Structures are given as C-alpha cells and as structure tokens.
Amino acid sequence: MNNQLKHKGYIGSIEASLEDNCLFGKILFIKALISYEGKTVADLDAAFQAAVDDYLVTCQNLGQTPEKPCKGSFNVRVGHDLHLAAALAATRKKVTLNDLTRQALNEFLQHHFAELHPSA
C-alpha cells in the first residue's frame, strides 16, 4: 500500500480527517511547512503537485534554492560503545566510518524494505 505522494523528487503525506471529511497532507523531509488538502485521493494528489510546483516557483521568484528532501547527510547518536565498535570495524575493514554506515544502511534496506531501496 502506498501512503505517500511523489512529485519532482518531493514526497507528501496522506492523512484523513473524519471530523472535516477531507484528506490532507504535507511535504515531508523539508523544513518549510507546506500543506495541501482534498476531498478525494485524486484531488489530494493534484493539490500536492500544485503545492510542490508553487513552492519551486516561489523559491525561484525569491532567488532562493529550494530545499531538497533528505540532503544526503544526517547525524546519528549511537552511544559510546556502539560508536567505538563501529569505528573499530571500519578500521578492520579498511573503510571509513561513513562507508561502513552507508553499507549497513544499504544492506538493511535491501533485506527489510526492498521497495524503498534506491536501486529498486
């Protein structure tokens, strides 16, 4: 089941409000809060695409670079023991800690979430 919308590299959530009898969502993985709503899934998808397009045009008009979802780096707090073990493993494998982490994430996604894996 796909519970997210995609357009031009942006991902949007799909939520439902029983009280308001509507669907709504927001663009995920960027700091800017950009929301949209619709009565049907088709309406919601059209509103999401319009919101993405409007965001990109607004950024262009303001001379700003639009945020990219998930810029490619993140900080992970793993605790001293796991950090030390990973650093030692990277050293033994003769790779950087970044490469070891990238490989571990890649393997995890391939085995547990193949549909989300970048090469899928």
PDB file of N, CA and C in Angstrom:
ATOM      1  N   MET A   1       0.845  -1.188   0.000  1.00  0.00           N
ATOM      2  CA  MET A   1       0.000   0.000   0.000  1.00  0.00           C
ATOM      3  C   MET A   1       0.880   1.238   0.000  1.00  0.00           C
ATOM      4  N   ASN A   2       0.605   2.128  -0.905  1.00  0.00           N
ATOM      5  CA  ASN A   2       1.388   3.360  -0.991  1.00  0.00           C
ATOM      6  C   ASN A   2       0.639   4.466  -0.255  1.00  0.00           C
ATOM      7  N   ASN A   3       1.231   4.968   0.808  1.00  0.00           N
ATOM      8  CA  ASN A   3       0.561   6.020   1.570  1.00  0.00           C
ATOM      9  C   ASN A   3       1.307   7.340   1.481  1.00  0.00           C
ATOM     10  N   GLN A   4       2.010   7.520   0.368  1.00  0.00           N
ATOM     11  CA  GLN A   4       2.719   8.779   0.141  1.00  0.00           C
ATOM     12  C   GLN A   4       2.565   9.189  -1.315  1.00  0.00           C
ATOM     13  N   LEU A   5       2.631  10.493  -1.537  1.00  0.00           N
ATOM     14  CA  LEU A   5       2.567  11.045  -2.884  1.00  0.00           C
ATOM     15  C   LEU A   5       3.972  11.445  -3.311  1.00  0.00           C
ATOM     16  N   LYS A   6       4.260  11.388  -4.602  1.00  0.00           N
ATOM     17  CA  LYS A   6       5.585  11.754  -5.108  1.00  0.00           C
ATOM     18  C   LYS A   6       5.441  12.657  -6.320  1.00  0.00           C
ATOM     19  N   HIS A   7       6.284  13.713  -6.343  1.00  0.00           N
ATOM     20  CA  HIS A   7       6.271  14.646  -7.477  1.00  0.00           C
ATOM     21  C   HIS A   7       7.578  15.434  -7.472  1.00  0.00           C
ATOM     22  N   LYS A   8       8.307  15.374  -8.583  1.00  0.00           N
ATOM     23  CA  LYS A   8       9.543  16.145  -8.767  1.00  0.00           C
ATOM     24  C   LYS A   8      10.541  15.948  -7.624  1.00  0.00           C
ATOM     25  N   GLY A   9      10.637  14.729  -7.122  1.00  0.00           N
ATOM     26  CA  GLY A   9      11.592  14.424  -6.056  1.00  0.00           C
ATOM     27  C   GLY A   9      11.097  14.733  -4.662  1.00  0.00           C
ATOM     28  N   TYR A  10       9.883  15.231  -4.528  1.00  0.00           N
ATOM     29  CA  TYR A  10       9.313  15.538  -3.222  1.00  0.00           C
ATOM     30  C   TYR A  10       8.314  14.453  -2.845  1.00  0.00           C
ATOM     31  N   ILE A  11       8.180  14.217  -1.549  1.00  0.00           N
ATOM     32  CA  ILE A  11       7.279  13.198  -1.031  1.00  0.00           C
ATOM     33  C   ILE A  11       6.273  13.886  -0.125  1.00  0.00           C
ATOM     34  N   GLY A  12       5.013  13.511  -0.278  1.00  0.00           N
ATOM     35  CA  GLY A  12       3.957  14.105   0.531  1.00  0.00           C
ATOM     36  C   GLY A  12       3.201  13.053   1.310  1.00  0.00           C
ATOM     37  N   SER A  13       2.740  13.432   2.489  1.00  0.00           N
ATOM     38  CA  SER A  13       1.977  12.517   3.326  1.00  0.00           C
ATOM     39  C   SER A  13       0.512  12.511   2.907  1.00  0.00           C
ATOM     40  N   ILE A  14      -0.189  11.465   3.322  1.00  0.00           N
ATOM     41  CA  ILE A  14      -1.631  11.345   3.111  1.00  0.00           C
ATOM     42  C   ILE A  14      -2.259  11.082   4.475  1.00  0.00           C
ATOM     43  N   GLU A  15      -3.101  11.996   4.915  1.00  0.00           N
ATOM     44  CA  GLU A  15      -3.794  11.871   6.197  1.00  0.00           C
ATOM     45  C   GLU A  15      -5.279  12.071   5.947  1.00  0.00           C
ATOM     46  N   ALA A  16      -6.105  11.627   6.895  1.00  0.00           N
ATOM     47  CA  ALA A  16      -7.552  11.799   6.768  1.00  0.00           C
ATOM     48  C   ALA A  16      -8.098  12.441   8.035  1.00  0.00           C
ATOM     49  N   SER A  17      -9.052  13.345   7.857  1.00  0.00           N
ATOM     50  CA  SER A  17      -9.772  13.953   8.974  1.00  0.00           C
ATOM     51  C   SER A  17     -11.231  13.528   8.888  1.00  0.00           C
ATOM     52  N   LEU A  18     -11.660  12.669   9.810  1.00  0.00           N
ATOM     53  CA  LEU A  18     -13.048  12.234   9.820  1.00  0.00           C
ATOM     54  C   LEU A  18     -13.974  13.386  10.188  1.00  0.00           C
ATOM     55  N   GLU A  19     -13.503  14.259  11.078  1.00  0.00           N
ATOM     56  CA  GLU A  19     -14.316  15.396  11.505  1.00  0.00           C
ATOM     57  C   GLU A  19     -14.614  16.349  10.349  1.00  0.00           C
ATOM     58  N   ASP A  20     -13.609  16.607   9.519  1.00  0.00           N
ATOM     59  CA  ASP A  20     -13.768  17.555   8.412  1.00  0.00           C
ATOM     60  C   ASP A  20     -14.111  16.873   7.087  1.00  0.00           C
ATOM     61  N   ASN A  21     -14.130  15.528   7.101  1.00  0.00           N
ATOM     62  CA  ASN A  21     -14.423  14.754   5.901  1.00  0.00           C
ATOM     63  C   ASN A  21     -13.530  15.153   4.733  1.00  0.00           C
ATOM     64  N   CYS A  22     -12.226  15.204   5.024  1.00  0.00           N
ATOM     65  CA  CYS A  22     -11.290  15.553   3.955  1.00  0.00           C
ATOM     66  C   CYS A  22      -9.973  14.816   4.154  1.00  0.00           C
ATOM     67  N   LEU A  23      -9.187  14.810   3.104  1.00  0.00           N
ATOM     68  CA  LEU A  23      -7.823  14.300   3.128  1.00  0.00           C
ATOM     69  C   LEU A  23      -6.884  15.490   3.171  1.00  0.00           C
ATOM     70  N   PHE A  24      -5.741  15.319   3.810  1.00  0.00           N
ATOM     71  CA  PHE A  24      -4.764  16.397   3.876  1.00  0.00           C
ATOM     72  C   PHE A  24      -3.375  15.799   4.009  1.00  0.00           C
ATOM     73  N   GLY A  25      -2.380  16.632   3.837  1.00  0.00           N
ATOM     74  CA  GLY A  25      -1.008  16.171   3.986  1.00  0.00           C
ATOM     75  C   GLY A  25      -0.048  17.331   3.964  1.00  0.00           C
ATOM     76  N   LYS A  26       1.244  16.986   4.060  1.00  0.00           N
ATOM     77  CA  LYS A  26       2.296  17.991   3.978  1.00  0.00           C
ATOM     78  C   LYS A  26       3.484  17.391   3.255  1.00  0.00           C
ATOM     79  N   ILE A  27       4.311  18.266   2.701  1.00  0.00           N
ATOM     80  CA  ILE A  27       5.539  17.815   2.060  1.00  0.00           C
ATOM     81  C   ILE A  27       6.501  17.379   3.169  1.00  0.00           C
ATOM     82  N   LEU A  28       7.031  16.174   3.011  1.00  0.00           N
ATOM     83  CA  LEU A  28       7.892  15.582   4.039  1.00  0.00           C
ATOM     84  C   LEU A  28       9.372  15.865   3.785  1.00  0.00           C
ATOM     85  N   PHE A  29      10.130  15.845   4.858  1.00  0.00           N
ATOM     86  CA  PHE A  29      11.594  15.885   4.830  1.00  0.00           C
ATOM     87  C   PHE A  29      12.192  17.207   4.383  1.00  0.00           C
ATOM     88  N   ILE A  30      11.439  18.303   4.542  1.00  0.00           N
ATOM     89  CA  ILE A  30      11.989  19.649   4.362  1.00  0.00           C
ATOM     90  C   ILE A  30      11.541  20.481   5.557  1.00  0.00           C
ATOM     91  N   LYS A  31      12.256  21.568   5.821  1.00  0.00           N
ATOM     92  CA  LYS A  31      11.931  22.415   6.970  1.00  0.00           C
ATOM     93  C   LYS A  31      10.673  23.241   6.741  1.00  0.00           C
ATOM     94  N   ALA A  32      10.470  23.705   5.525  1.00  0.00           N
ATOM     95  CA  ALA A  32       9.294  24.528   5.218  1.00  0.00           C
ATOM     96  C   ALA A  32       8.026  23.710   5.443  1.00  0.00           C
ATOM     97  N   LEU A  33       7.008  24.341   6.009  1.00  0.00           N
ATOM     98  CA  LEU A  33       5.726  23.673   6.214  1.00  0.00           C
ATOM     99  C   LEU A  33       4.818  23.987   5.034  1.00  0.00           C
ATOM    100  N   ILE A  34       4.601  22.995   4.194  1.00  0.00           N
ATOM    101  CA  ILE A  34       3.769  23.155   3.006  1.00  0.00           C
ATOM    102  C   ILE A  34       2.705  22.069   3.061  1.00  0.00           C
ATOM    103  N   SER A  35       1.460  22.485   3.209  1.00  0.00           N
ATOM    104  CA  SER A  35       0.364  21.532   3.341  1.00  0.00           C
ATOM    105  C   SER A  35      -0.602  21.661   2.169  1.00  0.00           C
ATOM    106  N   TYR A  36      -1.492  20.696   2.057  1.00  0.00           N
ATOM    107  CA  TYR A  36      -2.463  20.637   0.972  1.00  0.00           C
ATOM    108  C   TYR A  36      -3.625  19.780   1.445  1.00  0.00           C
ATOM    109  N   GLU A  37      -4.768  19.891   0.782  1.00  0.00           N
ATOM    110  CA  GLU A  37      -5.914  19.069   1.144  1.00  0.00           C
ATOM    111  C   GLU A  37      -6.801  18.817  -0.062  1.00  0.00           C
ATOM    112  N   GLY A  38      -7.670  17.821   0.071  1.00  0.00           N
ATOM    113  CA  GLY A  38      -8.602  17.483  -0.988  1.00  0.00           C
ATOM    114  C   GLY A  38      -9.691  16.572  -0.478  1.00  0.00           C
ATOM    115  N   LYS A  39     -10.756  16.435  -1.237  1.00  0.00           N
ATOM    116  CA  LYS A  39     -11.889  15.574  -0.865  1.00  0.00           C
ATOM    117  C   LYS A  39     -11.660  14.128  -1.301  1.00  0.00           C
ATOM    118  N   THR A  40     -10.941  13.945  -2.417  1.00  0.00           N
ATOM    119  CA  THR A  40     -10.666  12.604  -2.933  1.00  0.00           C
ATOM    120  C   THR A  40      -9.154  12.427  -3.054  1.00  0.00           C
ATOM    121  N   VAL A  41      -8.737  11.209  -3.277  1.00  0.00           N
ATOM    122  CA  VAL A  41      -7.306  10.948  -3.469  1.00  0.00           C
ATOM    123  C   VAL A  41      -6.806  11.700  -4.701  1.00  0.00           C
ATOM    124  N   ALA A  42      -7.595  11.715  -5.755  1.00  0.00           N
ATOM    125  CA  ALA A  42      -7.196  12.448  -6.964  1.00  0.00           C
ATOM    126  C   ALA A  42      -7.061  13.945  -6.670  1.00  0.00           C
ATOM    127  N   ASP A  43      -8.015  14.500  -5.903  1.00  0.00           N
ATOM    128  CA  ASP A  43      -7.934  15.914  -5.505  1.00  0.00           C
ATOM    129  C   ASP A  43      -6.680  16.168  -4.672  1.00  0.00           C
ATOM    130  N   LEU A  44      -6.396  15.252  -3.743  1.00  0.00           N
ATOM    131  CA  LEU A  44      -5.231  15.412  -2.864  1.00  0.00           C
ATOM    132  C   LEU A  44      -3.943  15.376  -3.672  1.00  0.00           C
ATOM    133  N   ASP A  45      -3.860  14.444  -4.607  1.00  0.00           N
ATOM    134  CA  ASP A  45      -2.663  14.338  -5.439  1.00  0.00           C
ATOM    135  C   ASP A  45      -2.477  15.601  -6.272  1.00  0.00           C
ATOM    136  N   ALA A  46      -3.550  16.116  -6.841  1.00  0.00           N
ATOM    137  CA  ALA A  46      -3.462  17.352  -7.630  1.00  0.00           C
ATOM    138  C   ALA A  46      -3.044  18.525  -6.744  1.00  0.00           C
ATOM    139  N   ALA A  47      -3.585  18.599  -5.527  1.00  0.00           N
ATOM    140  CA  ALA A  47      -3.227  19.679  -4.601  1.00  0.00           C
ATOM    141  C   ALA A  47      -1.766  19.564  -4.167  1.00  0.00           C
ATOM    142  N   PHE A  48      -1.298  18.330  -3.961  1.00  0.00           N
ATOM    143  CA  PHE A  48       0.110  18.101  -3.608  1.00  0.00           C
ATOM    144  C   PHE A  48       1.026  18.568  -4.739  1.00  0.00           C
ATOM    145  N   GLN A  49       0.718  18.154  -5.965  1.00  0.00           N
ATOM    146  CA  GLN A  49       1.545  18.555  -7.100  1.00  0.00           C
ATOM    147  C   GLN A  49       1.547  20.068  -7.267  1.00  0.00           C
ATOM    148  N   ALA A  50       0.392  20.696  -7.090  1.00  0.00           N
ATOM    149  CA  ALA A  50       0.307  22.159  -7.181  1.00  0.00           C
ATOM    150  C   ALA A  50       1.128  22.814  -6.070  1.00  0.00           C
ATOM    151  N   ALA A  51       1.120  22.234  -4.875  1.00  0.00           N
ATOM    152  CA  ALA A  51       1.888  22.786  -3.759  1.00  0.00           C
ATOM    153  C   ALA A  51       3.389  22.700  -4.034  1.00  0.00           C
ATOM    154  N   VAL A  52       3.836  21.573  -4.573  1.00  0.00           N
ATOM    155  CA  VAL A  52       5.259  21.421  -4.932  1.00  0.00           C
ATOM    156  C   VAL A  52       5.634  22.440  -6.001  1.00  0.00           C
ATOM    157  N   ASP A  53       4.825  22.516  -7.040  1.00  0.00           N
ATOM    158  CA  ASP A  53       5.116  23.452  -8.131  1.00  0.00           C
ATOM    159  C   ASP A  53       5.138  24.893  -7.632  1.00  0.00           C
ATOM    160  N   ASP A  54       4.186  25.246  -6.777  1.00  0.00           N
ATOM    161  CA  ASP A  54       4.133  26.597  -6.211  1.00  0.00           C
ATOM    162  C   ASP A  54       5.365  26.874  -5.350  1.00  0.00           C
ATOM    163  N   TYR A  55       5.775  25.884  -4.564  1.00  0.00           N
ATOM    164  CA  TYR A  55       6.975  26.034  -3.733  1.00  0.00           C
ATOM    165  C   TYR A  55       8.201  26.313  -4.611  1.00  0.00           C
ATOM    166  N   LEU A  56       8.346  25.557  -5.684  1.00  0.00           N
ATOM    167  CA  LEU A  56       9.506  25.737  -6.561  1.00  0.00           C
ATOM    168  C   LEU A  56       9.485  27.103  -7.249  1.00  0.00           C
ATOM    169  N   VAL A  57       8.308  27.543  -7.702  1.00  0.00           N
ATOM    170  CA  VAL A  57       8.176  28.858  -8.343  1.00  0.00           C
ATOM    171  C   VAL A  57       8.441  29.965  -7.328  1.00  0.00           C
ATOM    172  N   THR A  58       7.910  29.831  -6.128  1.00  0.00           N
ATOM    173  CA  THR A  58       8.125  30.832  -5.077  1.00  0.00           C
ATOM    174  C   THR A  58       9.608  30.958  -4.749  1.00  0.00           C
ATOM    175  N   CYS A  59      10.293  29.823  -4.613  1.00  0.00           N
ATOM    176  CA  CYS A  59      11.737  29.860  -4.344  1.00  0.00           C
ATOM    177  C   CYS A  59      12.473  30.567  -5.472  1.00  0.00           C
ATOM    178  N   GLN A  60      12.102  30.245  -6.702  1.00  0.00           N
ATOM    179  CA  GLN A  60      12.742  30.875  -7.863  1.00  0.00           C
ATOM    180  C   GLN A  60      12.498  32.383  -7.848  1.00  0.00           C
ATOM    181  N   ASN A  61      11.265  32.793  -7.588  1.00  0.00           N
ATOM    182  CA  ASN A  61      10.928  34.222  -7.564  1.00  0.00           C
ATOM    183  C   ASN A  61      11.658  34.968  -6.451  1.00  0.00           C
ATOM    184  N   LEU A  62      11.923  34.277  -5.346  1.00  0.00           N
ATOM    185  CA  LEU A  62      12.635  34.893  -4.221  1.00  0.00           C
ATOM    186  C   LEU A  62      14.149  34.771  -4.354  1.00  0.00           C
ATOM    187  N   GLY A  63      14.612  34.084  -5.396  1.00  0.00           N
ATOM    188  CA  GLY A  63      16.048  33.879  -5.590  1.00  0.00           C
ATOM    189  C   GLY A  63      16.641  32.920  -4.571  1.00  0.00           C
ATOM    190  N   GLN A  64      15.819  32.006  -4.061  1.00  0.00           N
ATOM    191  CA  GLN A  64      16.275  31.038  -3.061  1.00  0.00           C
ATOM    192  C   GLN A  64      16.381  29.653  -3.688  1.00  0.00           C
ATOM    193  N   THR A  65      17.279  28.862  -3.146  1.00  0.00           N
ATOM    194  CA  THR A  65      17.402  27.478  -3.580  1.00  0.00           C
ATOM    195  C   THR A  65      16.383  26.647  -2.815  1.00  0.00           C
ATOM    196  N   PRO A  66      15.530  25.894  -3.514  1.00  0.00           N
ATOM    197  CA  PRO A  66      14.551  25.060  -2.805  1.00  0.00           C
ATOM    198  C   PRO A  66      15.251  23.983  -1.984  1.00  0.00           C
ATOM    199  N   GLU A  67      14.672  23.668  -0.844  1.00  0.00           N
ATOM    200  CA  GLU A  67      15.214  22.579  -0.032  1.00  0.00           C
ATOM    201  C   GLU A  67      15.037  21.266  -0.774  1.00  0.00           C
ATOM    202  N   LYS A  68      16.009  20.392  -0.630  1.00  0.00           N
ATOM    203  CA  LYS A  68      15.891  19.044  -1.158  1.00  0.00           C
ATOM    204  C   LYS A  68      15.478  18.136  -0.002  1.00  0.00           C
ATOM    205  N   PRO A  69      14.560  17.222  -0.254  1.00  0.00           N
ATOM    206  CA  PRO A  69      14.243  16.257   0.799  1.00  0.00           C
ATOM    207  C   PRO A  69      15.464  15.384   1.070  1.00  0.00           C
ATOM    208  N   CYS A  70      15.826  15.259   2.307  1.00  0.00           N
ATOM    209  CA  CYS A  70      16.943  14.402   2.701  1.00  0.00           C
ATOM    210  C   CYS A  70      18.205  14.757   1.922  1.00  0.00           C
ATOM    211  N   LYS A  71      18.903  15.741   2.390  1.00  0.00           N
ATOM    212  CA  LYS A  71      20.045  16.308   1.675  1.00  0.00           C
ATOM    213  C   LYS A  71      21.224  15.360   1.477  1.00  0.00           C
ATOM    214  N   GLY A  72      21.219  14.213   2.177  1.00  0.00           N
ATOM    215  CA  GLY A  72      22.288  13.242   1.961  1.00  0.00           C
ATOM    216  C   GLY A  72      23.211  13.053   3.144  1.00  0.00           C
ATOM    217  N   SER A  73      22.998  13.812   4.202  1.00  0.00           N
ATOM    218  CA  SER A  73      23.792  13.609   5.409  1.00  0.00           C
ATOM    219  C   SER A  73      22.891  13.784   6.617  1.00  0.00           C
ATOM    220  N   PHE A  74      23.214  13.060   7.684  1.00  0.00           N
ATOM    221  CA  PHE A  74      22.461  13.189   8.923  1.00  0.00           C
ATOM    222  C   PHE A  74      23.337  12.767  10.091  1.00  0.00           C
ATOM    223  N   ASN A  75      23.008  13.259  11.263  1.00  0.00           N
ATOM    224  CA  ASN A  75      23.732  12.907  12.474  1.00  0.00           C
ATOM    225  C   ASN A  75      23.006  11.774  13.180  1.00  0.00           C
ATOM    226  N   VAL A  76      23.764  10.812  13.664  1.00  0.00           N
ATOM    227  CA  VAL A  76      23.187   9.684  14.387  1.00  0.00           C
ATOM    228  C   VAL A  76      23.873   9.584  15.743  1.00  0.00           C
ATOM    229  N   ARG A  77      23.075   9.579  16.801  1.00  0.00           N
ATOM    230  CA  ARG A  77      23.611   9.397  18.146  1.00  0.00           C
ATOM    231  C   ARG A  77      23.450   7.934  18.514  1.00  0.00           C
ATOM    232  N   VAL A  78      24.567   7.233  18.646  1.00  0.00           N
ATOM    233  CA  VAL A  78      24.520   5.791  18.875  1.00  0.00           C
ATOM    234  C   VAL A  78      25.089   5.379  20.224  1.00  0.00           C
ATOM    235  N   GLY A  79      25.653   6.302  20.949  1.00  0.00           N
ATOM    236  CA  GLY A  79      26.282   5.949  22.218  1.00  0.00           C
ATOM    237  C   GLY A  79      27.733   5.557  22.030  1.00  0.00           C
ATOM    238  N   HIS A  80      28.472   5.661  23.102  1.00  0.00           N
ATOM    239  CA  HIS A  80      29.920   5.434  23.069  1.00  0.00           C
ATOM    240  C   HIS A  80      30.295   4.035  22.593  1.00  0.00           C
ATOM    241  N   ASP A  81      29.691   3.001  23.181  1.00  0.00           N
ATOM    242  CA  ASP A  81      30.096   1.626  22.884  1.00  0.00           C
ATOM    243  C   ASP A  81      29.853   1.249  21.414  1.00  0.00           C
ATOM    244  N   LEU A  82      28.698   1.602  20.893  1.00  0.00           N
ATOM    245  CA  LEU A  82      28.407   1.285  19.501  1.00  0.00           C
ATOM    246  C   LEU A  82      29.292   2.100  18.558  1.00  0.00           C
ATOM    247  N   HIS A  83      29.538   3.358  18.892  1.00  0.00           N
ATOM    248  CA  HIS A  83      30.420   4.202  18.094  1.00  0.00           C
ATOM    249  C   HIS A  83      31.824   3.589  18.038  1.00  0.00           C
ATOM    250  N   LEU A  84      32.341   3.193  19.194  1.00  0.00           N
ATOM    251  CA  LEU A  84      33.677   2.598  19.251  1.00  0.00           C
ATOM    252  C   LEU A  84      33.728   1.292  18.459  1.00  0.00           C
ATOM    253  N   ALA A  85      32.719   0.432  18.624  1.00  0.00           N
ATOM    254  CA  ALA A  85      32.690  -0.836  17.901  1.00  0.00           C
ATOM    255  C   ALA A  85      32.637  -0.601  16.390  1.00  0.00           C
ATOM    256  N   ALA A  86      31.831   0.372  15.962  1.00  0.00           N
ATOM    257  CA  ALA A  86      31.740   0.671  14.534  1.00  0.00           C
ATOM    258  C   ALA A  86      33.049   1.233  14.000  1.00  0.00           C
ATOM    259  N   ALA A  87      33.700   2.106  14.770  1.00  0.00           N
ATOM    260  CA  ALA A  87      34.985   2.664  14.348  1.00  0.00           C
ATOM    261  C   ALA A  87      36.032   1.564  14.216  1.00  0.00           C
ATOM    262  N   LEU A  88      36.045   0.638  15.153  1.00  0.00           N
ATOM    263  CA  LEU A  88      36.990  -0.489  15.084  1.00  0.00           C
ATOM    264  C   LEU A  88      36.681  -1.377  13.881  1.00  0.00           C
ATOM    265  N   ALA A  89      35.401  -1.648  13.635  1.00  0.00           N
ATOM    266  CA  ALA A  89      35.021  -2.478  12.492  1.00  0.00           C
ATOM    267  C   ALA A  89      35.424  -1.807  11.180  1.00  0.00           C
ATOM    268  N   ALA A  90      35.225  -0.502  11.089  1.00  0.00           N
ATOM    269  CA  ALA A  90      35.609   0.229   9.879  1.00  0.00           C
ATOM    270  C   ALA A  90      37.113   0.156   9.660  1.00  0.00           C
ATOM    271  N   THR A  91      37.857   0.295  10.731  1.00  0.00           N
ATOM    272  CA  THR A  91      39.318   0.220  10.643  1.00  0.00           C
ATOM    273  C   THR A  91      39.746  -1.164  10.153  1.00  0.00           C
ATOM    274  N   ARG A  92      39.155  -2.204  10.729  1.00  0.00           N
ATOM    275  CA  ARG A  92      39.498  -3.569  10.320  1.00  0.00           C
ATOM    276  C   ARG A  92      39.120  -3.833   8.865  1.00  0.00           C
ATOM    277  N   LYS A  93      38.043  -3.253   8.442  1.00  0.00           N
ATOM    278  CA  LYS A  93      37.567  -3.434   7.062  1.00  0.00           C
ATOM    279  C   LYS A  93      38.277  -2.491   6.091  1.00  0.00           C
ATOM    280  N   LYS A  94      39.048  -1.563   6.656  1.00  0.00           N
ATOM    281  CA  LYS A  94      39.792  -0.571   5.880  1.00  0.00           C
ATOM    282  C   LYS A  94      38.862   0.316   5.054  1.00  0.00           C
ATOM    283  N   VAL A  95      37.795   0.778   5.709  1.00  0.00           N
ATOM    284  CA  VAL A  95      36.865   1.730   5.115  1.00  0.00           C
ATOM    285  C   VAL A  95      36.628   2.835   6.138  1.00  0.00           C
ATOM    286  N   THR A  96      36.033   3.915   5.679  1.00  0.00           N
ATOM    287  CA  THR A  96      35.696   4.991   6.607  1.00  0.00           C
ATOM    288  C   THR A  96      34.444   4.606   7.386  1.00  0.00           C
ATOM    289  N   LEU A  97      34.222   5.290   8.495  1.00  0.00           N
ATOM    290  CA  LEU A  97      33.011   5.073   9.277  1.00  0.00           C
ATOM    291  C   LEU A  97      31.776   5.430   8.440  1.00  0.00           C
ATOM    292  N   ASN A  98      31.879   6.469   7.620  1.00  0.00           N
ATOM    293  CA  ASN A  98      30.769   6.818   6.724  1.00  0.00           C
ATOM    294  C   ASN A  98      30.472   5.677   5.757  1.00  0.00           C
ATOM    295  N   ASP A  99      31.513   5.082   5.161  1.00  0.00           N
ATOM    296  CA  ASP A  99      31.303   3.983   4.225  1.00  0.00           C
ATOM    297  C   ASP A  99      30.689   2.767   4.920  1.00  0.00           C
ATOM    298  N   LEU A 100      31.153   2.464   6.126  1.00  0.00           N
ATOM    299  CA  LEU A 100      30.599   1.351   6.879  1.00  0.00           C
ATOM    300  C   LEU A 100      29.119   1.586   7.171  1.00  0.00           C
ATOM    301  N   THR A 101      28.773   2.794   7.581  1.00  0.00           N
ATOM    302  CA  THR A 101      27.383   3.140   7.879  1.00  0.00           C
ATOM    303  C   THR A 101      26.530   3.065   6.611  1.00  0.00           C
ATOM    304  N   ARG A 102      27.038   3.586   5.514  1.00  0.00           N
ATOM    305  CA  ARG A 102      26.323   3.537   4.237  1.00  0.00           C
ATOM    306  C   ARG A 102      26.068   2.087   3.827  1.00  0.00           C
ATOM    307  N   GLN A 103      27.095   1.225   3.961  1.00  0.00           N
ATOM    308  CA  GLN A 103      26.946  -0.183   3.609  1.00  0.00           C
ATOM    309  C   GLN A 103      25.909  -0.872   4.500  1.00  0.00           C
ATOM    310  N   ALA A 104      25.936  -0.560   5.794  1.00  0.00           N
ATOM    311  CA  ALA A 104      24.987  -1.174   6.725  1.00  0.00           C
ATOM    312  C   ALA A 104      23.553  -0.746   6.407  1.00  0.00           C
ATOM    313  N   LEU A 105      23.344   0.537   6.115  1.00  0.00           N
ATOM    314  CA  LEU A 105      22.011   1.017   5.745  1.00  0.00           C
ATOM    315  C   LEU A 105      21.549   0.388   4.441  1.00  0.00           C
ATOM    316  N   ASN A 106      22.449   0.288   3.488  1.00  0.00           N
ATOM    317  CA  ASN A 106      22.141  -0.317   2.195  1.00  0.00           C
ATOM    318  C   ASN A 106      21.691  -1.765   2.371  1.00  0.00           C
ATOM    319  N   GLU A 107      22.436  -2.543   3.143  1.00  0.00           N
ATOM    320  CA  GLU A 107      22.086  -3.946   3.381  1.00  0.00           C
ATOM    321  C   GLU A 107      20.754  -4.061   4.114  1.00  0.00           C
ATOM    322  N   PHE A 108      20.535  -3.213   5.115  1.00  0.00           N
ATOM    323  CA  PHE A 108      19.279  -3.241   5.865  1.00  0.00           C
ATOM    324  C   PHE A 108      18.097  -2.966   4.940  1.00  0.00           C
ATOM    325  N   LEU A 109      18.207  -1.945   4.109  1.00  0.00           N
ATOM    326  CA  LEU A 109      17.111  -1.609   3.200  1.00  0.00           C
ATOM    327  C   LEU A 109      16.867  -2.722   2.185  1.00  0.00           C
ATOM    328  N   GLN A 110      17.931  -3.315   1.657  1.00  0.00           N
ATOM    329  CA  GLN A 110      17.772  -4.395   0.687  1.00  0.00           C
ATOM    330  C   GLN A 110      17.024  -5.576   1.293  1.00  0.00           C
ATOM    331  N   HIS A 111      17.330  -5.906   2.542  1.00  0.00           N
ATOM    332  CA  HIS A 111      16.753  -7.096   3.172  1.00  0.00           C
ATOM    333  C   HIS A 111      15.390  -6.850   3.806  1.00  0.00           C
ATOM    334  N   HIS A 112      15.124  -5.658   4.265  1.00  0.00           N
ATOM    335  CA  HIS A 112      13.899  -5.416   5.026  1.00  0.00           C
ATOM    336  C   HIS A 112      12.886  -4.508   4.338  1.00  0.00           C
ATOM    337  N   PHE A 113      13.348  -3.661   3.433  1.00  0.00           N
ATOM    338  CA  PHE A 113      12.469  -2.707   2.760  1.00  0.00           C
ATOM    339  C   PHE A 113      12.884  -2.574   1.297  1.00  0.00           C
ATOM    340  N   ALA A 114      12.847  -3.654   0.575  1.00  0.00           N
ATOM    341  CA  ALA A 114      13.317  -3.652  -0.805  1.00  0.00           C
ATOM    342  C   ALA A 114      12.613  -2.587  -1.642  1.00  0.00           C
ATOM    343  N   GLU A 115      11.312  -2.342  -1.355  1.00  0.00           N
ATOM    344  CA  GLU A 115      10.569  -1.350  -2.147  1.00  0.00           C
ATOM    345  C   GLU A 115      11.055   0.064  -1.912  1.00  0.00           C
ATOM    346  N   LEU A 116      11.756   0.312  -0.816  1.00  0.00           N
ATOM    347  CA  LEU A 116      12.285   1.639  -0.521  1.00  0.00           C
ATOM    348  C   LEU A 116      13.733   1.814  -0.963  1.00  0.00           C
ATOM    349  N   HIS A 117      14.383   0.701  -1.280  1.00  0.00           N
ATOM    350  CA  HIS A 117      15.806   0.759  -1.618  1.00  0.00           C
ATOM    351  C   HIS A 117      16.011   1.579  -2.885  1.00  0.00           C
ATOM    352  N   PRO A 118      17.007   2.484  -2.882  1.00  0.00           N
ATOM    353  CA  PRO A 118      17.221   3.374  -4.034  1.00  0.00           C
ATOM    354  C   PRO A 118      17.395   2.656  -5.368  1.00  0.00           C
ATOM    355  N   SER A 119      17.967   1.466  -5.374  1.00  0.00           N
ATOM    356  CA  SER A 119      18.204   0.777  -6.647  1.00  0.00           C
ATOM    357  C   SER A 119      17.013  -0.102  -7.047  1.00  0.00           C
ATOM    358  N   ALA A 120      15.945  -0.123  -6.211  1.00  0.00           N
ATOM    359  CA  ALA A 120      14.781  -0.965  -6.525  1.00  0.00           C
ATOM    360  C   ALA A 120      13.960  -0.376  -7.650  1.00  0.00           C
TER     361      ALA A 120
END
